[in-house]
Amino acid sequence: MKVVSVFLLVVGLFAPVSAQWEFGVVCSTDVPFATGPNNSHKLAFRSEMLYPQRDTITLVFQSSESIYYCLSGNGVNVWSRPVALYPGADPAIALGRDGDRHLVWQMLDTLGRLNIFYRNLEFRMMPVNVSGANGNCFHPDVFGDSAGVAHIVWEEGEASPQIWYRQANERGVIGERFSVSTDSLAACRFPAIEQFNNGIGVVWQEVDTTESLPYKIMRRRQVGGVWQTEEVLAEQSEPLSHPAVDFSGGNEGFSGGWEKVVNGNYEVQFYGGNGGGYPTGGVSTKPVLSTIGDVWSYLFWEEDSSGRKDIFTHFYYFMTGWSSPGSVRNIFHIDEQVYAPNCLGALLVWTQGDTAPYQVMWAFFDYPIGVEEKIKDAAKLVSGIFNGKVYYADRKMHLYDASGRRVMELKPGANDICRVKAGVYFVQEVAEIGDKSNGFVKIIITR
């Protein structure tokens, strides 16, 4: 069944904790896992999704007969009609540091073998078979560097699949195949790849029943084009599975997440970044995350504790700490099952519905702080959108940028902010000696 475009924007159903949180429908699909699996990138955007109104977002997903992409229009509020690309499944997309969109997916070749294919969406080019194998290739993921090169990983094999890596570019030139995993007796699955601290990191799940601790989450890094020794991030006697990496990446430390079985019960475990060591209760699976430096964290996972699938959230901002965990179904008053989360920064996509046709959905969570709830005497503090010239304050305050850096001190009365770049900022009243520090009010400076 083909994807049917649905141009329905759901309005008026905002989360009680923030008037900025909103969601809507992208389109419909006939599969309940259209936005999965969680090991691969489904969203590409030219920044870290802090300002969705400034650029176009590309979403890739699947239906039973094809992979598709949709483009956002004015911010994330309007999505284009889905465009069918190729028959296949498990697409992944990444925006290269040079601005190109790199797409990978699994598809049958001309001999009926399941291989991994690549295409640069900015160029008219035929799909390139990057696995070049005899089939049995699954679950690809991709990272794009500043030179226009795609770094692609996938799972290959039947009884003991291994993790393979290859480069490709817009001219259809592919590099040498490289085996990232080295234990030929182990079953290695679900690789994910991203850039961290100027190096590339690949994670995957590994099972070797000949060992006393058979279940592992593995990582291998490529630094300066040289592959480092494999590392064990976690190992235990019960299953560890479905790893995902931080989908924001960039010049920051590694962070990721995976499923962890404890006494027969599935939890998710977040590792590194602001999500390090955070366990969840209930039947928790398929974690995805975006962290931005050590400032923001957006954590999502699938939850099935009540026998009805949901997606749980947990957000962090360094000035205010962790928010309370939330539920997508409760936040947006959804009376259907939601599942298969994927994210980039504050933007979350998922699949929704109890029966076909299912819906591909989006939600934008803005900044992960409930600023208005934390303000003492908030009516006396000015907030809103400013034209970039003057900010009026009735008391001494500090102005912070989105990264938490103090930009300037605001004096009572008119403050010249002409030299402050356009963007999102926060103001905080300077506490008197002995008083508790107040929360923050968000302002937007335009030009």
Protein backbone atom coordinates (compact mmCIF):
# COMPACT_ATOMS: atom_id res chain seq x y z
CA MET A 1 0.00 0.00 0.00
CA LYS A 2 1.39 3.37 -0.96
CA VAL A 3 1.99 6.21 1.44
CA VAL A 4 -0.89 8.69 1.48
CA SER A 5 -0.04 12.31 2.14
CA VAL A 6 -1.94 13.92 5.01
CA PHE A 7 -1.68 17.69 5.42
CA LEU A 8 -3.19 17.96 8.87
CA LEU A 9 -1.60 20.17 11.47
CA VAL A 10 -2.84 19.42 14.94
CA VAL A 11 -3.26 22.65 16.86
CA GLY A 12 -4.44 23.56 20.30
CA LEU A 13 -3.07 20.37 21.89
CA PHE A 14 0.00 21.76 23.56
CA ALA A 15 1.78 20.31 26.55
CA PRO A 16 0.74 21.93 29.83
CA VAL A 17 4.39 22.44 30.80
CA SER A 18 5.34 24.58 27.81
CA ALA A 19 3.30 26.54 25.30
CA GLN A 20 6.12 26.01 22.79
CA TRP A 21 5.64 22.23 22.59
CA GLU A 22 3.58 21.24 19.57
CA PHE A 23 3.07 18.30 17.25
CA GLY A 24 1.40 17.27 14.03
CA VAL A 25 1.04 14.71 11.26
CA VAL A 26 3.58 14.29 8.46
CA CYS A 27 1.80 11.59 6.42
CA SER A 28 0.45 8.05 6.64
CA THR A 29 2.14 4.70 6.07
CA ASP A 30 1.19 1.03 6.11
CA VAL A 31 3.95 -0.17 8.48
CA PRO A 32 4.10 0.38 12.26
CA PHE A 33 7.90 0.81 12.26
CA ALA A 34 8.16 3.50 9.58
CA THR A 35 10.54 5.71 11.62
CA GLY A 36 12.69 2.85 12.96
CA PRO A 37 15.08 1.29 13.71
CA ASN A 38 16.75 3.49 16.31
CA ASN A 39 20.35 2.84 15.23
CA SER A 40 20.10 5.11 12.16
CA HIS A 41 19.61 8.83 11.47
CA LYS A 42 16.13 9.67 10.13
CA LEU A 43 16.43 13.49 10.17
CA ALA A 44 18.84 15.88 8.46
CA PHE A 45 18.98 19.57 9.31
CA ARG A 46 21.54 22.32 8.73
CA SER A 47 21.95 23.07 12.43
CA GLU A 48 21.20 21.26 15.65
CA MET A 49 17.43 21.82 15.52
CA LEU A 50 17.39 24.76 17.90
CA TYR A 51 15.81 27.08 15.31
CA PRO A 52 13.45 24.97 13.17
CA GLN A 53 11.95 28.00 11.42
CA ARG A 54 15.23 28.86 9.69
CA ASP A 55 15.81 25.91 7.40
CA THR A 56 14.43 22.82 5.74
CA ILE A 57 14.38 19.48 7.50
CA THR A 58 14.60 16.21 5.57
CA LEU A 59 12.86 13.19 7.07
CA VAL A 60 13.35 9.67 5.70
CA PHE A 61 11.10 6.73 6.55
CA GLN A 62 9.74 3.54 5.04
CA SER A 63 6.55 1.93 3.85
CA SER A 64 6.14 -1.67 2.74
CA GLU A 65 7.10 -1.03 -0.88
CA SER A 66 9.51 1.92 -0.75
CA ILE A 67 11.60 4.34 1.22
CA TYR A 68 10.38 7.95 1.22
CA TYR A 69 11.46 11.41 2.16
CA CYS A 70 9.50 14.52 3.20
CA LEU A 71 10.70 18.10 3.47
CA SER A 72 9.49 20.60 6.00
CA GLY A 73 8.12 23.86 4.68
CA ASN A 74 7.82 26.83 7.03
CA GLY A 75 9.67 25.39 9.99
CA VAL A 76 8.30 21.99 11.00
CA ASN A 77 4.67 23.05 10.77
CA VAL A 78 4.12 22.05 7.14
CA TRP A 79 5.58 19.00 5.42
CA SER A 80 5.79 18.28 1.72
CA ARG A 81 4.00 15.43 0.02
CA PRO A 82 6.07 12.24 0.53
CA VAL A 83 8.44 11.45 -2.32
CA ALA A 84 9.04 7.77 -3.13
CA LEU A 85 12.70 7.02 -3.74
CA TYR A 86 13.53 3.34 -4.11
CA PRO A 87 12.13 -0.03 -3.07
CA GLY A 88 13.86 -1.01 0.15
CA ALA A 89 13.91 -0.51 3.89
CA ASP A 90 15.76 0.96 6.87
CA PRO A 91 16.83 4.29 5.32
CA ALA A 92 19.27 6.58 7.11
CA ILE A 93 20.21 10.16 6.23
CA ALA A 94 22.88 12.54 7.45
CA LEU A 95 23.72 16.12 6.56
CA GLY A 96 27.41 16.31 5.76
CA ARG A 97 29.56 19.06 7.22
CA ASP A 98 29.67 20.44 3.64
CA GLY A 99 25.86 20.71 3.43
CA ASP A 100 25.18 17.60 1.33
CA ARG A 101 22.51 15.07 2.33
CA HIS A 102 23.80 11.50 2.32
CA LEU A 103 21.25 8.67 2.05
CA VAL A 104 21.77 4.94 2.66
CA TRP A 105 19.28 2.07 2.70
CA GLN A 106 18.99 -1.69 2.18
CA MET A 107 17.67 -2.83 -1.21
CA LEU A 108 17.71 -5.88 -3.48
CA ASP A 109 20.31 -5.76 -6.23
CA THR A 110 19.71 -7.00 -9.79
CA LEU A 111 20.43 -10.59 -8.67
CA GLY A 112 17.90 -10.44 -5.84
CA ARG A 113 20.51 -10.08 -3.07
CA LEU A 114 19.92 -7.67 -0.18
CA ASN A 115 22.72 -5.10 -0.17
CA ILE A 116 23.38 -1.58 1.09
CA PHE A 117 23.05 1.33 -1.35
CA TYR A 118 24.16 4.97 -1.21
CA ARG A 119 23.14 8.21 -2.90
CA ASN A 120 24.02 11.87 -2.41
CA LEU A 121 20.65 13.63 -2.66
CA GLU A 122 22.19 16.89 -3.89
CA PHE A 123 23.38 15.30 -7.16
CA ARG A 124 21.76 13.43 -10.01
CA MET A 125 23.41 10.07 -9.52
CA MET A 126 22.46 6.43 -9.69
CA PRO A 127 22.36 4.48 -6.42
CA VAL A 128 25.71 2.86 -5.63
CA ASN A 129 25.98 -0.61 -4.09
CA VAL A 130 28.43 0.10 -1.26
CA SER A 131 28.29 -3.30 0.44
CA GLY A 132 29.13 -5.06 -2.82
CA ALA A 133 28.50 -8.36 -1.08
CA ASN A 134 26.51 -11.52 -1.66
CA GLY A 135 23.52 -10.19 0.23
CA ASN A 136 22.33 -10.49 3.83
CA CYS A 137 23.18 -6.84 4.53
CA PHE A 138 21.01 -4.90 7.00
CA HIS A 139 20.63 -1.83 9.22
CA PRO A 140 22.87 0.81 7.62
CA ASP A 141 23.84 4.15 9.10
CA VAL A 142 25.80 7.09 7.67
CA PHE A 143 27.87 10.10 8.66
CA GLY A 144 28.93 12.87 6.24
CA ASP A 145 32.17 14.82 6.63
CA SER A 146 33.20 18.31 5.45
CA ALA A 147 34.83 16.95 2.27
CA GLY A 148 31.57 15.50 0.92
CA VAL A 149 32.52 11.93 1.85
CA ALA A 150 29.92 9.58 3.31
CA HIS A 151 31.10 7.15 5.99
CA ILE A 152 28.77 4.15 5.93
CA VAL A 153 28.39 1.18 8.29
CA TRP A 154 26.13 -1.85 8.08
CA GLU A 155 25.53 -5.38 9.38
CA GLU A 156 26.45 -8.23 7.02
CA GLY A 157 26.06 -12.01 7.29
CA GLU A 158 23.67 -14.68 8.57
CA ALA A 159 24.82 -16.87 11.48
CA SER A 160 27.58 -14.53 12.71
CA PRO A 161 27.01 -11.15 11.04
CA GLN A 162 29.84 -8.61 11.21
CA ILE A 163 29.99 -4.81 11.05
CA TRP A 164 31.47 -3.36 7.87
CA TYR A 165 32.50 0.16 6.85
CA ARG A 166 33.04 1.91 3.53
CA GLN A 167 33.35 5.43 2.16
CA ALA A 168 31.48 6.86 -0.84
CA ASN A 169 31.11 10.22 -2.59
CA GLU A 170 28.80 11.99 -5.06
CA ARG A 171 30.78 10.72 -8.06
CA GLY A 172 29.96 7.13 -7.14
CA VAL A 173 33.53 6.41 -6.04
CA ILE A 174 33.68 3.97 -3.12
CA GLY A 175 36.60 3.09 -0.86
CA GLU A 176 37.86 -0.22 0.41
CA ARG A 177 35.64 -2.44 2.55
CA PHE A 178 36.80 -2.54 6.17
CA SER A 179 35.64 -4.94 8.89
CA VAL A 180 34.99 -2.81 11.98
CA SER A 181 34.17 -5.81 14.20
CA THR A 182 36.91 -8.42 14.73
CA ASP A 183 35.28 -11.33 16.59
CA SER A 184 34.26 -13.66 13.76
CA LEU A 185 32.46 -15.97 16.23
CA ALA A 186 30.22 -13.22 17.55
CA ALA A 187 26.94 -11.99 16.08
CA CYS A 188 27.39 -8.24 15.57
CA ARG A 189 24.31 -6.17 14.73
CA PHE A 190 22.73 -2.70 14.61
CA PRO A 191 25.72 -0.40 13.99
CA ALA A 192 25.43 3.37 14.45
CA ILE A 193 27.97 6.01 13.43
CA GLU A 194 28.64 9.69 14.22
CA GLN A 195 31.45 12.20 14.73
CA PHE A 196 32.72 12.93 18.24
CA ASN A 197 35.70 15.13 19.18
CA ASN A 198 37.01 15.21 15.61
CA GLY A 199 36.91 11.42 15.35
CA ILE A 200 34.30 8.99 14.05
CA GLY A 201 32.66 6.59 16.50
CA VAL A 202 30.87 3.34 15.62
CA VAL A 203 28.86 1.32 18.15
CA TRP A 204 27.12 -2.04 17.79
CA GLN A 205 25.68 -4.92 19.79
CA GLU A 206 27.68 -8.15 20.02
CA VAL A 207 26.75 -11.65 21.21
CA ASP A 208 29.33 -14.43 21.68
CA THR A 209 27.81 -17.45 23.44
CA THR A 210 31.26 -18.99 24.02
CA GLU A 211 32.08 -16.32 26.61
CA SER A 212 30.98 -16.08 30.25
CA LEU A 213 29.55 -12.60 29.61
CA PRO A 214 28.18 -13.12 26.11
CA TYR A 215 26.36 -9.78 25.61
CA LYS A 216 28.32 -6.62 24.82
CA ILE A 217 27.98 -3.10 23.49
CA MET A 218 31.09 -2.37 21.46
CA ARG A 219 32.68 0.83 20.15
CA ARG A 220 35.46 1.49 17.69
CA ARG A 221 36.79 4.91 16.77
CA GLN A 222 38.52 6.23 13.68
CA VAL A 223 40.89 9.10 14.50
CA GLY A 224 42.76 10.86 11.72
CA GLY A 225 41.74 8.12 9.32
CA VAL A 226 43.23 5.39 11.55
CA TRP A 227 41.04 2.80 13.24
CA GLN A 228 41.67 2.36 16.96
CA THR A 229 41.34 -0.80 19.06
CA GLU A 230 37.82 -2.01 19.85
CA GLU A 231 36.39 -0.98 23.22
CA VAL A 232 33.78 -2.69 25.40
CA LEU A 233 31.28 -0.10 26.64
CA ALA A 234 29.14 -2.64 28.52
CA GLU A 235 28.99 -6.41 29.02
CA GLN A 236 26.79 -8.75 31.05
CA SER A 237 25.12 -12.16 31.12
CA GLU A 238 21.71 -10.75 30.11
CA PRO A 239 20.99 -9.12 26.73
CA LEU A 240 22.36 -5.73 25.67
CA SER A 241 20.89 -4.56 22.38
CA HIS A 242 19.80 -1.80 19.97
CA PRO A 243 22.50 0.81 20.57
CA ALA A 244 22.14 4.37 19.26
CA VAL A 245 24.58 7.27 19.21
CA ASP A 246 24.01 10.94 19.88
CA PHE A 247 22.38 12.21 16.67
CA SER A 248 23.74 15.75 17.10
CA GLY A 249 27.41 14.75 17.10
CA GLY A 250 30.06 17.37 16.42
CA ASN A 251 32.98 18.51 18.55
CA GLU A 252 31.89 16.96 21.81
CA GLY A 253 32.39 13.79 23.80
CA PHE A 254 30.74 10.51 22.92
CA SER A 255 27.23 9.77 24.17
CA GLY A 256 24.80 7.02 23.31
CA GLY A 257 22.26 4.59 24.65
CA TRP A 258 21.11 0.97 24.44
CA GLU A 259 18.69 -1.58 25.85
CA LYS A 260 19.80 -3.37 29.00
CA VAL A 261 18.03 -6.39 30.50
CA VAL A 262 18.13 -6.47 34.30
CA ASN A 263 16.64 -9.55 36.00
CA GLY A 264 14.64 -10.27 32.87
CA ASN A 265 13.26 -6.73 32.52
CA TYR A 266 14.18 -4.34 29.70
CA GLU A 267 15.51 -0.91 30.62
CA VAL A 268 17.37 1.69 28.60
CA GLN A 269 20.80 2.87 29.61
CA PHE A 270 22.21 6.22 28.49
CA TYR A 271 25.99 6.53 28.40
CA GLY A 272 28.14 9.65 28.41
CA GLY A 273 27.05 13.22 27.82
CA ASN A 274 24.27 14.50 30.02
CA GLY A 275 22.44 11.16 29.85
CA GLY A 276 25.22 9.11 31.39
CA GLY A 277 24.09 6.29 33.67
CA TYR A 278 20.41 7.15 33.63
CA PRO A 279 18.34 3.94 34.03
CA THR A 280 14.61 3.76 33.35
CA GLY A 281 11.92 1.61 34.87
CA GLY A 282 9.39 -0.63 33.19
CA VAL A 283 9.73 -2.21 29.75
CA SER A 284 11.98 0.39 28.12
CA THR A 285 13.51 -0.09 24.66
CA LYS A 286 14.82 1.69 21.53
CA PRO A 287 16.58 4.73 23.05
CA VAL A 288 17.52 7.75 20.92
CA LEU A 289 19.17 10.97 22.03
CA SER A 290 20.57 14.35 21.04
CA THR A 291 22.95 16.28 23.26
CA ILE A 292 24.41 19.66 22.42
CA GLY A 293 27.76 20.03 24.13
CA ASP A 294 27.28 19.73 27.87
CA VAL A 295 24.37 22.17 27.75
CA TRP A 296 21.28 20.37 26.39
CA SER A 297 20.04 16.79 26.39
CA TYR A 298 16.96 15.35 24.71
CA LEU A 299 16.43 11.69 25.64
CA PHE A 300 13.63 9.54 24.18
CA TRP A 301 12.76 5.86 24.35
CA GLU A 302 9.91 3.46 23.70
CA GLU A 303 7.99 2.36 26.80
CA ASP A 304 5.61 -0.60 27.04
CA SER A 305 5.12 -0.94 30.79
CA SER A 306 1.35 -0.62 30.61
CA GLY A 307 0.95 -2.99 27.66
CA ARG A 308 0.30 -0.04 25.38
CA LYS A 309 3.28 1.46 23.58
CA ASP A 310 4.33 4.99 24.48
CA ILE A 311 7.43 7.19 24.06
CA PHE A 312 8.97 8.65 27.20
CA THR A 313 11.03 11.85 27.35
CA HIS A 314 13.68 13.26 29.65
CA PHE A 315 15.26 16.68 29.05
CA TYR A 316 18.26 18.45 30.55
CA TYR A 317 19.47 22.04 30.59
CA PHE A 318 22.64 22.79 32.52
CA MET A 319 21.27 25.91 34.23
CA THR A 320 18.22 24.13 35.65
CA GLY A 321 19.10 20.42 35.58
CA TRP A 322 16.81 17.57 34.59
CA SER A 323 13.13 18.04 33.89
CA SER A 324 10.63 15.46 35.07
CA PRO A 325 10.30 12.49 32.68
CA GLY A 326 7.27 12.82 30.41
CA SER A 327 5.08 10.70 28.16
CA VAL A 328 4.32 11.66 24.55
CA ARG A 329 0.82 10.20 24.82
CA ASN A 330 0.11 12.22 27.97
CA ILE A 331 1.77 15.44 26.79
CA PHE A 332 -0.21 15.57 23.54
CA HIS A 333 -3.35 13.71 24.72
CA ILE A 334 -2.91 10.85 22.23
CA ASP A 335 -5.24 7.85 22.57
CA GLU A 336 -3.23 5.53 20.32
CA GLN A 337 -0.01 3.60 20.57
CA VAL A 338 3.16 5.52 19.66
CA TYR A 339 6.47 3.87 18.85
CA ALA A 340 9.70 3.85 16.80
CA PRO A 341 11.17 7.18 18.06
CA ASN A 342 13.93 9.04 16.27
CA CYS A 343 15.21 12.54 16.95
CA LEU A 344 17.53 15.41 16.13
CA GLY A 345 17.92 18.03 18.82
CA ALA A 346 14.49 19.12 20.01
CA LEU A 347 12.68 17.49 17.07
CA LEU A 348 11.16 14.03 17.56
CA VAL A 349 9.50 11.83 14.94
CA TRP A 350 7.61 8.60 15.55
CA THR A 351 5.01 6.21 14.12
CA GLN A 352 1.51 6.15 15.63
CA GLY A 353 -1.63 4.04 15.48
CA ASP A 354 -3.24 0.80 16.57
CA THR A 355 -4.03 -0.45 13.05
CA ALA A 356 -3.07 0.49 9.49
CA PRO A 357 -2.91 3.07 8.06
CA TYR A 358 -0.43 4.35 10.62
CA GLN A 359 0.73 7.96 10.89
CA VAL A 360 4.20 9.41 10.79
CA MET A 361 4.23 12.17 13.42
CA TRP A 362 6.50 15.01 14.53
CA ALA A 363 6.87 17.05 17.72
CA PHE A 364 9.10 20.00 18.53
CA PHE A 365 9.97 20.44 22.20
CA ASP A 366 11.75 23.80 22.03
CA TYR A 367 14.28 24.38 24.81
CA PRO A 368 14.12 21.76 27.58
CA ILE A 369 13.36 24.19 30.40
CA GLY A 370 10.02 25.39 31.73
CA VAL A 371 11.24 28.97 32.00
CA GLU A 372 7.99 30.67 32.95
CA GLU A 373 7.36 28.26 35.83
CA LYS A 374 10.71 29.18 37.41
CA ILE A 375 10.36 32.96 37.44
CA LYS A 376 9.70 34.85 40.66
CA ASP A 377 7.35 37.74 39.97
CA ALA A 378 7.58 36.99 36.24
CA ALA A 379 5.21 39.82 35.28
CA LYS A 380 7.93 42.33 36.12
CA LEU A 381 10.38 40.76 33.65
CA VAL A 382 10.03 41.57 29.97
CA SER A 383 10.06 38.67 27.50
CA GLY A 384 9.14 38.30 23.86
CA ILE A 385 10.57 39.14 20.45
CA PHE A 386 12.86 42.14 20.06
CA ASN A 387 14.09 43.98 16.99
CA GLY A 388 17.70 43.82 18.08
CA LYS A 389 18.07 47.43 19.27
CA VAL A 390 16.85 47.97 22.82
CA TYR A 391 15.94 45.72 25.72
CA TYR A 392 14.12 47.41 28.59
CA ALA A 393 14.72 46.04 32.07
CA ASP A 394 13.32 47.24 35.37
CA ARG A 395 16.15 45.74 37.41
CA LYS A 396 19.67 44.39 37.05
CA MET A 397 19.75 41.20 34.95
CA HIS A 398 22.11 38.97 33.02
CA LEU A 399 21.67 38.00 29.36
CA TYR A 400 22.74 34.47 28.34
CA ASP A 401 22.98 32.89 24.89
CA ALA A 402 21.65 29.41 24.02
CA SER A 403 24.89 27.74 25.14
CA GLY A 404 24.62 29.26 28.60
CA ARG A 405 27.39 31.84 28.06
CA ARG A 406 26.79 35.20 29.72
CA VAL A 407 26.61 37.76 26.90
CA MET A 408 26.13 41.00 28.82
CA GLU A 409 24.83 42.57 31.98
CA LEU A 410 21.54 44.43 31.66
CA LYS A 411 20.99 47.61 33.68
CA PRO A 412 17.61 48.97 34.77
CA GLY A 413 16.11 50.95 31.91
CA ALA A 414 17.09 50.86 28.21
CA ASN A 415 19.91 48.53 27.16
CA ASP A 416 21.57 48.74 23.74
CA ILE A 417 21.70 45.21 22.29
CA CYS A 418 22.56 46.18 18.69
CA ARG A 419 25.80 44.21 18.83
CA VAL A 420 24.13 41.03 20.05
CA LYS A 421 23.62 38.53 17.24
CA ALA A 422 20.10 37.42 16.30
CA GLY A 423 18.93 34.27 18.07
CA VAL A 424 17.40 32.85 21.22
CA TYR A 425 18.58 34.19 24.58
CA PHE A 426 17.66 33.97 28.25
CA VAL A 427 17.52 36.69 30.86
CA GLN A 428 17.84 36.16 34.60
CA GLU A 429 17.36 38.65 37.39
CA VAL A 430 20.52 39.12 39.45
CA ALA A 431 19.74 37.87 42.93
CA GLU A 432 20.43 40.02 45.95
CA ILE A 433 22.79 38.68 48.59
CA GLY A 434 20.99 35.96 50.51
CA ASP A 435 18.25 35.55 47.88
CA LYS A 436 17.88 32.47 45.74
CA SER A 437 18.70 32.87 42.07
CA ASN A 438 15.61 33.23 39.92
CA GLY A 439 14.83 31.22 36.82
CA PHE A 440 15.05 32.36 33.22
CA VAL A 441 12.84 34.09 30.68
CA LYS A 442 13.43 33.31 27.03
CA ILE A 443 13.65 36.16 24.50
CA ILE A 444 14.18 36.13 20.74
CA ILE A 445 16.33 38.82 19.16
CA THR A 446 15.70 39.41 15.45
CA ARG A 447 17.29 41.59 12.81
